[in-house]
Amino acid sequence: MYKTVQGDTWDIISKKMYGTEKFMTRLMQANPDIAEVVVFPAGVQIETPEITVPAETLQGLPPWKTRRSDD
């Protein structure tokens, strides 16, 4: 679960949660009731599906951003 901050968008949430924007479609599919929202206000609860992020996606990220969902 992710709680939005003012100005979050699907790609920003994907980047924060998974280290890449590639999973924004998966996030939208997991949240069909709010999938049409473009820019979020603060405090919206977003369902974040468990996604295994390939290690090569995490290369070059700082240590606190490299925690994978299967760790």
Protein backbone atom coordinates (compact mmCIF):
# COMPACT_ATOMS: atom_id res chain seq x y z
CA MET A 1 0.00 0.00 0.00
CA TYR A 2 1.22 3.49 -0.86
CA LYS A 3 -0.21 6.79 0.40
CA THR A 4 0.11 9.57 -2.16
CA VAL A 5 1.62 12.98 -1.66
CA GLN A 6 0.27 16.01 -3.51
CA GLY A 7 1.35 15.91 -7.14
CA ASP A 8 2.06 12.17 -7.41
CA THR A 9 1.37 10.59 -10.80
CA TRP A 10 1.31 6.91 -11.78
CA ASP A 11 4.83 7.00 -13.20
CA ILE A 12 6.20 8.76 -10.11
CA ILE A 13 4.56 6.18 -7.82
CA SER A 14 5.96 3.35 -9.94
CA LYS A 15 9.44 4.90 -9.76
CA LYS A 16 9.18 5.32 -5.97
CA MET A 17 7.88 1.80 -5.36
CA TYR A 18 9.76 -0.26 -7.95
CA GLY A 19 12.70 1.87 -9.08
CA THR A 20 11.34 2.26 -12.61
CA GLU A 21 8.38 3.85 -14.38
CA LYS A 22 7.79 0.60 -16.31
CA PHE A 23 5.18 -0.69 -13.87
CA MET A 24 2.74 2.22 -13.93
CA THR A 25 0.29 0.18 -16.04
CA ARG A 26 0.36 -2.63 -13.46
CA LEU A 27 -0.37 -0.08 -10.73
CA MET A 28 -3.31 1.30 -12.69
CA GLN A 29 -4.67 -2.20 -13.28
CA ALA A 30 -4.46 -2.90 -9.54
CA ASN A 31 -6.44 0.29 -8.84
CA PRO A 32 -9.23 0.39 -11.44
CA ASP A 33 -11.45 2.77 -9.44
CA ILE A 34 -8.83 5.53 -9.65
CA ALA A 35 -7.01 4.56 -12.84
CA GLU A 36 -8.20 7.69 -14.64
CA VAL A 37 -6.65 10.06 -12.09
CA VAL A 38 -3.69 11.86 -13.63
CA VAL A 39 -2.34 13.93 -10.72
CA PHE A 40 -3.15 12.76 -7.20
CA PRO A 41 -3.98 14.83 -4.15
CA ALA A 42 -2.32 13.89 -0.87
CA GLY A 43 -3.60 10.91 1.11
CA VAL A 44 -4.97 8.57 -1.56
CA GLN A 45 -4.31 4.90 -0.76
CA ILE A 46 -2.82 3.07 -3.75
CA GLU A 47 -2.76 -0.72 -3.88
CA THR A 48 0.78 -1.75 -4.82
CA PRO A 49 0.99 -5.26 -6.25
CA GLU A 50 4.03 -7.35 -5.47
CA ILE A 51 6.26 -7.18 -8.52
CA THR A 52 9.64 -8.84 -8.88
CA VAL A 53 11.90 -6.19 -10.33
CA PRO A 54 14.80 -7.54 -12.42
CA ALA A 55 18.20 -6.82 -10.85
CA GLU A 56 19.39 -4.95 -13.95
CA THR A 57 16.58 -2.45 -13.41
CA LEU A 58 18.00 -1.60 -10.00
CA GLN A 59 21.57 -0.95 -11.18
CA GLY A 60 22.83 2.53 -10.43
CA LEU A 61 20.28 3.20 -7.71
CA PRO A 62 21.27 4.14 -4.15
CA PRO A 63 21.16 1.26 -1.63
CA TRP A 64 17.84 2.28 -0.07
CA LYS A 65 16.18 2.11 -3.51
CA THR A 66 17.43 -1.37 -4.38
CA ARG A 67 15.21 -3.32 -2.02
CA ARG A 68 13.38 -5.78 -4.20
CA SER A 69 9.90 -7.07 -3.43
CA ASP A 70 11.21 -10.66 -3.26
CA ASP A 71 13.89 -9.84 -0.63
